[in-house]
Amino acid sequence: MNYIQTQKFSDVYVSCKTMMPFQRNTITALNVLVYMMKAKTEKMDSKQKLASTLNLAYGTKISYGLTSYGDLIQVDVRFQFVRPDWIEDKNYLDKIKDIMDQALFHSVLDEENFKESVYLLKNRLLAQMDDPANLSCMYAFEMAHDKHSISIPVQGSLKDLETLTLKDVKQVYTLYMDMAKHFYICGYVDQELYDFIDSLDSHCPFISERTLLPKVETSYKTFEKDISQTCISQVYSTGVDISSADYEAELILCSILGQSQKNLMFDEIREKNSLCYSISSSIIRFDGALLVHTGVNRKDVTKVLNLIETQIDRLLNMDYDDAYLEIAKMGFKDRLVGGLDQPLSLIAQAFLDDLLHRQLTTEQRIERIMKVTKEDISRVALQMNLASVAIVAENENEL
């Protein structure tokens, strides 16, 4: 268990992280399971009773999340509650412990809950299919490499949902219960609550499984849809592992390309040439991949794609003002310092260190960022390979 002890927050934040295999044949069932887990438990067997129990525990909150980490998927169950030493209610600790126990280990997986959860997931997936930005990203990931985990949709799929059964979900739940549980506390708790949470922890090291997206021949495809704006998503393999010495250079490259407040793609493609509505880049850090996403008019697609490649060439050739590098560095420094005042950021960083079996201070992280040079960025740019280009475009008759 990892206890980030601090008295700077009025609330305590507890995160239970469970790493599971990230597989196409179970991800939809896992999404349904998360909906079912948040709906009701044995003691809190309705949404009304669940809400009432949380309110009576001084507004305790529970949230659930699924996040992919390479070849693994994380189920994260998070609790937020008022510091116990601030509450005079003698039963408060028992309430918190009972809520945690129920949420983590006593979900009700019945037919009624299953049908409602399938309905909710179906509506969510249908809404995502109507969003051209989300659709282009999904297609780009699928096209990047069909044998790589990057092609598996974290949110599940409508096709698999059609044939999903309650038995499938129960099997995934059994797997979830058998997997190691890793607990993180940020805030201040007394010994009784600490011992309780510690008793739930599996007390074993994390296993990290990831495979970098390999270099492949570029897949390029256009999908037409009745929309007013074309969305382009491009996936690049970078060849950079998150534990690599080049990782910080990859972060800075992405920031200069299309993430920081002053970046090449925005300045050149939107501001100077007025060719896009929005444009950005982001790292898929456990897959060794970089995503570029932009919204354009269909007639400008070719120009925009060419200009994106030009900006990557500028990074390779170190053909950009030093101000871009300095702004990117200061942006990361500010976020790292700001994260010290954010409980969930502290937990996320502690988890990442545990997953990668390392221990880095904030000062060490800042030092690594500040040491990145243009030559480092150029070396990363040289390894970049365009894996896929997915374009969700306006119908031709819309032009």
Protein backbone atom coordinates (compact mmCIF):
# COMPACT_ATOMS: atom_id res chain seq x y z
CA MET A 1 0.00 0.00 0.00
CA ASN A 2 1.15 3.51 -0.76
CA TYR A 3 0.26 6.16 1.85
CA ILE A 4 0.89 9.76 0.77
CA GLN A 5 0.50 11.30 4.20
CA THR A 6 -0.39 14.98 4.23
CA GLN A 7 -2.67 17.26 6.21
CA LYS A 8 -3.04 19.90 3.49
CA PHE A 9 -6.38 18.47 2.25
CA SER A 10 -9.72 18.46 4.06
CA ASP A 11 -10.68 15.20 2.34
CA VAL A 12 -9.03 11.80 2.14
CA TYR A 13 -8.62 10.18 -1.27
CA VAL A 14 -8.33 6.40 -1.59
CA SER A 15 -7.76 4.59 -4.86
CA CYS A 16 -7.97 0.83 -5.39
CA LYS A 17 -6.18 -0.08 -8.61
CA THR A 18 -6.52 -3.51 -10.22
CA MET A 19 -4.53 -4.39 -13.34
CA MET A 20 -6.13 -6.91 -15.69
CA PRO A 21 -5.30 -8.29 -19.16
CA PHE A 22 -6.42 -5.85 -21.87
CA GLN A 23 -8.15 -8.16 -24.34
CA ARG A 24 -10.66 -7.56 -27.10
CA ASN A 25 -12.86 -10.48 -26.04
CA THR A 26 -13.37 -9.19 -22.46
CA ILE A 27 -13.23 -5.38 -22.67
CA THR A 28 -16.96 -4.93 -23.42
CA ALA A 29 -17.91 -7.19 -20.51
CA LEU A 30 -15.55 -5.22 -18.29
CA ASN A 31 -17.26 -1.96 -19.24
CA VAL A 32 -20.66 -3.45 -18.39
CA LEU A 33 -19.22 -4.74 -15.12
CA VAL A 34 -18.11 -1.23 -14.13
CA TYR A 35 -21.65 0.06 -14.72
CA MET A 36 -23.01 -2.79 -12.61
CA MET A 37 -20.50 -2.22 -9.80
CA LYS A 38 -21.48 1.44 -9.49
CA ALA A 39 -25.23 0.69 -9.56
CA LYS A 40 -25.74 -1.28 -6.35
CA THR A 41 -24.23 -3.59 -3.75
CA GLU A 42 -25.65 -6.19 -1.37
CA LYS A 43 -26.41 -3.64 1.36
CA MET A 44 -26.96 -0.65 -0.93
CA ASP A 45 -29.25 -2.50 -3.30
CA SER A 46 -30.74 0.48 -5.11
CA LYS A 47 -29.46 3.78 -6.45
CA GLN A 48 -31.56 5.58 -3.86
CA LYS A 49 -30.11 3.57 -0.97
CA LEU A 50 -26.60 4.00 -2.35
CA ALA A 51 -27.01 7.77 -2.59
CA SER A 52 -28.56 7.93 0.89
CA THR A 53 -25.73 5.90 2.43
CA LEU A 54 -23.09 8.14 0.88
CA ASN A 55 -24.89 11.28 2.03
CA LEU A 56 -25.16 9.99 5.58
CA ALA A 57 -21.39 9.39 5.50
CA TYR A 58 -20.89 13.15 5.17
CA GLY A 59 -21.02 13.22 1.39
CA THR A 60 -18.62 10.37 0.68
CA LYS A 61 -18.04 9.90 -3.06
CA ILE A 62 -17.27 6.80 -5.14
CA SER A 63 -16.11 6.83 -8.75
CA TYR A 64 -14.96 4.17 -11.20
CA GLY A 65 -12.65 4.27 -14.19
CA LEU A 66 -11.03 2.12 -16.86
CA THR A 67 -7.64 3.09 -18.26
CA SER A 68 -5.37 1.14 -20.60
CA TYR A 69 -1.66 0.78 -19.83
CA GLY A 70 -0.13 -1.04 -22.76
CA ASP A 71 -1.27 -4.67 -22.66
CA LEU A 72 -3.08 -4.16 -19.34
CA ILE A 73 -6.32 -2.41 -18.38
CA GLN A 74 -6.74 -0.79 -14.98
CA VAL A 75 -9.96 -0.86 -13.00
CA ASP A 76 -9.76 2.08 -10.61
CA VAL A 77 -12.26 2.44 -7.76
CA ARG A 78 -11.85 5.79 -6.00
CA PHE A 79 -13.23 7.04 -2.70
CA GLN A 80 -13.29 10.58 -1.36
CA PHE A 81 -14.42 11.37 2.17
CA VAL A 82 -13.91 13.92 4.95
CA ARG A 83 -10.90 13.38 7.20
CA PRO A 84 -11.94 11.11 10.09
CA ASP A 85 -10.26 13.31 12.70
CA TRP A 86 -12.61 16.14 11.71
CA ILE A 87 -15.78 14.11 12.35
CA GLU A 88 -17.17 13.59 15.87
CA ASP A 89 -19.58 10.84 14.83
CA LYS A 90 -18.29 7.70 16.55
CA ASN A 91 -19.76 5.54 13.79
CA TYR A 92 -18.11 7.47 10.96
CA LEU A 93 -15.15 5.11 10.52
CA ASP A 94 -17.44 2.09 10.45
CA LYS A 95 -19.54 3.77 7.77
CA ILE A 96 -16.47 4.46 5.62
CA LYS A 97 -15.12 0.93 6.01
CA ASP A 98 -18.50 -0.60 5.20
CA ILE A 99 -18.90 1.57 2.09
CA MET A 100 -15.46 0.57 0.84
CA ASP A 101 -16.06 -3.09 1.54
CA GLN A 102 -19.42 -3.04 -0.25
CA ALA A 103 -18.18 -1.11 -3.30
CA LEU A 104 -15.12 -3.27 -3.77
CA PHE A 105 -16.30 -6.77 -2.91
CA HIS A 106 -20.09 -7.03 -2.83
CA SER A 107 -21.50 -5.94 -6.16
CA VAL A 108 -24.92 -7.28 -7.18
CA LEU A 109 -24.70 -8.92 -10.59
CA ASP A 110 -28.31 -9.77 -11.32
CA GLU A 111 -30.30 -9.75 -14.56
CA GLU A 112 -31.99 -6.42 -13.85
CA ASN A 113 -28.68 -4.67 -13.20
CA PHE A 114 -27.17 -6.33 -16.27
CA LYS A 115 -29.91 -5.14 -18.63
CA GLU A 116 -29.75 -1.58 -17.35
CA SER A 117 -25.95 -1.51 -17.60
CA VAL A 118 -26.02 -2.87 -21.17
CA TYR A 119 -28.55 -0.16 -22.05
CA LEU A 120 -26.35 2.58 -20.58
CA LEU A 121 -23.22 1.34 -22.33
CA LYS A 122 -25.07 0.99 -25.63
CA ASN A 123 -26.26 4.60 -25.46
CA ARG A 124 -22.76 5.76 -24.65
CA LEU A 125 -21.26 3.86 -27.57
CA LEU A 126 -23.94 5.12 -29.96
CA ALA A 127 -23.23 8.69 -28.88
CA GLN A 128 -19.52 8.16 -29.52
CA MET A 129 -20.27 6.77 -32.98
CA ASP A 130 -22.13 10.01 -33.76
CA ASP A 131 -19.10 12.09 -32.74
CA PRO A 132 -16.80 12.46 -35.79
CA ALA A 133 -13.81 13.42 -33.62
CA ASN A 134 -14.14 10.27 -31.51
CA LEU A 135 -14.87 8.20 -34.60
CA SER A 136 -11.73 9.28 -36.45
CA CYS A 137 -9.59 8.48 -33.39
CA MET A 138 -11.19 5.05 -33.05
CA TYR A 139 -10.62 4.26 -36.73
CA ALA A 140 -7.02 5.50 -36.61
CA PHE A 141 -6.22 3.25 -33.64
CA GLU A 142 -7.88 0.26 -35.30
CA MET A 143 -5.94 0.84 -38.52
CA ALA A 144 -2.58 1.42 -36.79
CA HIS A 145 -2.03 -2.30 -36.12
CA ASP A 146 -4.81 -4.86 -35.73
CA LYS A 147 -2.64 -7.19 -33.62
CA HIS A 148 -1.58 -4.46 -31.16
CA SER A 149 -3.48 -3.46 -28.01
CA ILE A 150 -3.78 0.11 -29.36
CA SER A 151 -6.47 -1.18 -31.75
CA ILE A 152 -8.72 -2.38 -28.88
CA PRO A 153 -11.38 0.21 -27.95
CA VAL A 154 -11.19 0.86 -24.20
CA GLN A 155 -14.92 1.64 -24.17
CA GLY A 156 -15.88 -1.73 -25.69
CA SER A 157 -17.82 -2.35 -28.90
CA LEU A 158 -21.45 -2.41 -30.00
CA LYS A 159 -20.90 -5.68 -31.89
CA ASP A 160 -19.70 -7.51 -28.78
CA LEU A 161 -22.44 -5.91 -26.69
CA GLU A 162 -25.11 -7.56 -28.86
CA THR A 163 -24.06 -11.07 -27.86
CA LEU A 164 -22.90 -10.32 -24.30
CA THR A 165 -24.48 -12.35 -21.49
CA LEU A 166 -24.64 -11.98 -17.75
CA LYS A 167 -22.48 -15.11 -17.52
CA ASP A 168 -19.75 -13.31 -19.49
CA VAL A 169 -19.80 -10.41 -17.03
CA LYS A 170 -19.72 -12.73 -14.02
CA GLN A 171 -16.65 -14.46 -15.45
CA VAL A 172 -14.88 -11.11 -15.80
CA TYR A 173 -15.94 -10.21 -12.25
CA THR A 174 -14.40 -13.44 -10.97
CA LEU A 175 -11.18 -12.54 -12.77
CA TYR A 176 -11.31 -9.03 -11.30
CA MET A 177 -11.77 -10.37 -7.77
CA ASP A 178 -8.82 -12.73 -8.19
CA MET A 179 -6.42 -10.03 -9.42
CA ALA A 180 -4.10 -8.14 -7.07
CA LYS A 181 -5.49 -4.98 -5.45
CA HIS A 182 -3.18 -2.01 -4.94
CA PHE A 183 -4.32 0.78 -2.62
CA TYR A 184 -3.27 4.42 -2.51
CA ILE A 185 -4.19 6.88 0.23
CA CYS A 186 -3.63 10.61 -0.09
CA GLY A 187 -4.50 12.70 2.96
CA TYR A 188 -4.57 11.93 6.65
CA VAL A 189 -6.11 8.84 8.29
CA ASP A 190 -5.88 7.37 11.77
CA GLN A 191 -4.30 4.03 12.53
CA GLU A 192 -7.60 2.12 12.53
CA LEU A 193 -8.51 3.15 8.99
CA TYR A 194 -4.93 2.72 7.80
CA ASP A 195 -4.87 -0.85 9.12
CA PHE A 196 -8.22 -1.62 7.50
CA ILE A 197 -7.15 -0.40 4.05
CA ASP A 198 -3.76 -2.07 4.42
CA SER A 199 -5.52 -5.38 5.12
CA LEU A 200 -7.21 -5.12 1.70
CA ASP A 201 -3.98 -4.52 -0.19
CA SER A 202 -2.36 -7.47 -1.98
CA HIS A 203 1.15 -6.36 -0.97
CA CYS A 204 2.83 -7.44 -4.19
CA PRO A 205 4.71 -5.55 -6.91
CA PHE A 206 3.00 -4.38 -10.07
CA ILE A 207 3.50 -6.27 -13.30
CA SER A 208 3.80 -4.00 -16.33
CA GLU A 209 3.19 -5.51 -19.76
CA ARG A 210 3.50 -3.38 -22.88
CA THR A 211 4.55 -3.73 -26.48
CA LEU A 212 5.60 -0.70 -28.51
CA LEU A 213 3.65 0.00 -31.67
CA PRO A 214 5.95 -1.26 -34.45
CA LYS A 215 6.80 0.54 -37.68
CA VAL A 216 4.30 -0.43 -40.36
CA GLU A 217 3.21 0.67 -43.79
CA THR A 218 0.81 3.60 -43.47
CA SER A 219 -2.91 2.77 -43.59
CA TYR A 220 -4.97 5.59 -45.08
CA LYS A 221 -8.76 5.63 -45.29
CA THR A 222 -11.63 8.12 -45.62
CA PHE A 223 -15.05 7.50 -44.08
CA GLU A 224 -17.95 9.68 -45.21
CA LYS A 225 -20.59 10.88 -42.76
CA ASP A 226 -23.36 13.47 -42.69
CA ILE A 227 -21.39 16.07 -40.73
CA SER A 228 -20.36 19.71 -41.14
CA GLN A 229 -16.65 19.35 -40.36
CA THR A 230 -14.05 16.77 -41.40
CA CYS A 231 -11.98 15.19 -38.60
CA ILE A 232 -8.52 13.72 -39.17
CA SER A 233 -6.69 11.44 -36.76
CA GLN A 234 -3.13 10.27 -37.40
CA VAL A 235 -1.25 7.71 -35.32
CA TYR A 236 2.55 7.67 -35.37
CA SER A 237 4.78 5.05 -33.80
CA THR A 238 7.62 6.72 -31.90
CA GLY A 239 9.75 3.77 -30.79
CA VAL A 240 10.06 5.38 -27.35
CA ASP A 241 9.19 3.40 -24.23
CA ILE A 242 7.97 5.27 -21.16
CA SER A 243 11.03 4.05 -19.23
CA SER A 244 13.42 5.14 -22.00
CA ALA A 245 15.97 7.94 -21.61
CA ASP A 246 14.23 9.56 -24.60
CA TYR A 247 10.82 9.71 -22.93
CA GLU A 248 11.15 13.31 -21.73
CA ALA A 249 12.29 14.35 -25.22
CA GLU A 250 9.19 12.64 -26.63
CA LEU A 251 7.01 14.61 -24.22
CA ILE A 252 8.63 17.90 -25.24
CA LEU A 253 8.37 17.00 -28.93
CA CYS A 254 4.63 16.39 -28.55
CA SER A 255 4.23 19.64 -26.65
CA ILE A 256 6.05 21.72 -29.26
CA LEU A 257 4.22 19.97 -32.09
CA GLY A 258 0.68 20.52 -30.89
CA GLN A 259 0.10 20.57 -27.13
CA SER A 260 1.59 23.60 -25.40
CA GLN A 261 0.09 27.09 -25.49
CA LYS A 262 2.56 27.95 -28.26
CA ASN A 263 2.99 25.08 -30.71
CA LEU A 264 4.03 24.61 -34.32
CA MET A 265 0.85 23.11 -35.74
CA PHE A 266 -1.46 25.72 -34.26
CA ASP A 267 0.77 28.62 -35.27
CA GLU A 268 1.43 27.41 -38.80
CA ILE A 269 -1.75 25.59 -39.80
CA ARG A 270 -4.46 27.50 -37.96
CA GLU A 271 -3.04 30.96 -37.30
CA LYS A 272 -0.94 31.57 -40.42
CA ASN A 273 -2.90 29.55 -42.99
CA SER A 274 -6.41 29.37 -41.45
CA LEU A 275 -6.75 25.76 -42.62
CA CYS A 276 -8.21 24.10 -39.53
CA TYR A 277 -10.70 24.66 -36.75
CA SER A 278 -8.65 22.84 -34.14
CA ILE A 279 -5.44 20.85 -34.03
CA SER A 280 -3.54 19.03 -31.29
CA SER A 281 -1.15 16.19 -30.49
CA SER A 282 -0.97 13.76 -27.57
CA ILE A 283 1.20 10.86 -26.42
CA ILE A 284 -0.11 7.32 -25.93
CA ARG A 285 2.73 6.72 -23.57
CA PHE A 286 2.50 2.96 -22.89
CA ASP A 287 2.18 2.12 -26.59
CA GLY A 288 5.07 4.18 -27.98
CA ALA A 289 2.64 6.19 -30.08
CA LEU A 290 1.64 9.77 -30.81
CA LEU A 291 -1.79 10.95 -31.95
CA VAL A 292 -2.42 14.06 -34.08
CA HIS A 293 -6.02 15.19 -34.34
CA THR A 294 -7.48 18.06 -36.32
CA GLY A 295 -10.81 19.42 -37.54
CA VAL A 296 -10.81 20.83 -41.09
CA ASN A 297 -12.86 21.53 -44.18
CA ARG A 298 -12.73 18.52 -46.51
CA LYS A 299 -11.23 20.51 -49.38
CA ASP A 300 -8.21 21.38 -47.19
CA VAL A 301 -7.31 17.85 -46.06
CA THR A 302 -4.30 17.40 -48.36
CA LYS A 303 -2.86 20.82 -47.50
CA VAL A 304 -3.24 20.17 -43.77
CA LEU A 305 -1.64 16.71 -43.95
CA ASN A 306 1.31 18.16 -45.85
CA LEU A 307 1.72 20.96 -43.33
CA ILE A 308 1.64 18.52 -40.41
CA GLU A 309 4.49 16.59 -42.00
CA THR A 310 6.34 19.87 -42.51
CA GLN A 311 6.13 20.63 -38.79
CA ILE A 312 7.52 17.18 -37.93
CA ASP A 313 10.35 17.81 -40.41
CA ARG A 314 11.06 21.10 -38.62
CA LEU A 315 11.43 19.19 -35.35
CA LEU A 316 13.76 16.74 -37.08
CA ASN A 317 15.84 19.53 -38.60
CA MET A 318 15.73 21.71 -35.45
CA ASP A 319 14.19 24.46 -37.58
CA TYR A 320 12.15 26.33 -34.97
CA ASP A 321 12.59 29.16 -32.50
CA ASP A 322 14.07 28.32 -29.09
CA ALA A 323 10.99 29.94 -27.54
CA TYR A 324 8.94 26.85 -28.42
CA LEU A 325 11.34 24.66 -26.45
CA GLU A 326 11.43 26.95 -23.42
CA ILE A 327 7.64 27.38 -23.29
CA ALA A 328 7.17 23.59 -23.50
CA LYS A 329 9.65 23.02 -20.66
CA MET A 330 8.08 25.65 -18.42
CA GLY A 331 4.64 24.19 -19.11
CA PHE A 332 5.74 20.78 -17.85
CA LYS A 333 7.50 22.32 -14.87
CA ASP A 334 4.37 24.26 -13.90
CA ARG A 335 2.21 21.14 -14.20
CA LEU A 336 4.59 19.08 -12.08
CA VAL A 337 4.67 21.75 -9.36
CA GLY A 338 0.92 22.28 -9.59
CA GLY A 339 0.35 18.55 -9.24
CA LEU A 340 1.76 18.70 -5.72
CA ASP A 341 -1.48 20.41 -4.67
CA GLN A 342 -3.75 17.91 -6.44
CA PRO A 343 -4.49 14.68 -4.52
CA LEU A 344 -5.35 12.65 -7.62
CA SER A 345 -2.17 13.87 -9.36
CA LEU A 346 -0.10 12.75 -6.38
CA ILE A 347 -1.75 9.32 -6.49
CA ALA A 348 -1.32 9.07 -10.26
CA GLN A 349 2.39 9.86 -10.01
CA ALA A 350 2.94 7.43 -7.14
CA PHE A 351 1.15 4.71 -9.12
CA LEU A 352 3.26 5.38 -12.21
CA ASP A 353 6.45 5.08 -10.16
CA ASP A 354 5.24 1.80 -8.67
CA LEU A 355 4.23 0.44 -12.08
CA LEU A 356 7.63 1.28 -13.56
CA HIS A 357 9.50 0.21 -10.40
CA ARG A 358 11.23 3.55 -9.93
CA GLN A 359 11.25 6.41 -7.46
CA LEU A 360 11.65 9.96 -8.75
CA THR A 361 11.19 13.20 -6.86
CA THR A 362 9.47 16.18 -8.43
CA GLU A 363 12.85 17.90 -8.58
CA GLN A 364 14.34 14.96 -10.50
CA ARG A 365 11.44 14.99 -12.96
CA ILE A 366 11.86 18.70 -13.55
CA GLU A 367 15.61 18.24 -14.00
CA ARG A 368 15.02 15.61 -16.69
CA ILE A 369 12.62 17.88 -18.54
CA MET A 370 14.93 20.91 -18.36
CA LYS A 371 17.84 18.90 -19.79
CA VAL A 372 16.03 18.10 -23.05
CA THR A 373 17.77 19.64 -26.08
CA LYS A 374 16.80 20.21 -29.68
CA GLU A 375 19.16 17.38 -30.60
CA ASP A 376 17.23 15.03 -28.29
CA ILE A 377 13.95 16.04 -29.91
CA SER A 378 15.43 15.58 -33.38
CA ARG A 379 16.53 12.05 -32.45
CA VAL A 380 12.96 11.18 -31.41
CA ALA A 381 11.48 12.80 -34.54
CA LEU A 382 13.77 10.64 -36.68
CA GLN A 383 12.16 7.49 -35.25
CA MET A 384 8.58 8.60 -35.91
CA ASN A 385 6.63 6.54 -38.43
CA LEU A 386 3.12 7.30 -39.66
CA ALA A 387 1.04 4.19 -38.97
CA SER A 388 -2.45 5.35 -39.89
CA VAL A 389 -4.54 8.25 -41.18
CA ALA A 390 -8.29 8.09 -40.57
CA ILE A 391 -10.48 10.81 -42.08
CA VAL A 392 -14.14 11.15 -41.17
CA ALA A 393 -15.30 13.55 -43.85
CA GLU A 394 -18.37 15.51 -44.89
CA ASN A 395 -20.34 13.84 -47.66
CA GLU A 396 -19.22 14.98 -51.09
CA ASN A 397 -22.62 16.58 -51.73
CA GLU A 398 -22.13 18.74 -48.65
CA LEU A 399 -19.34 20.69 -50.38
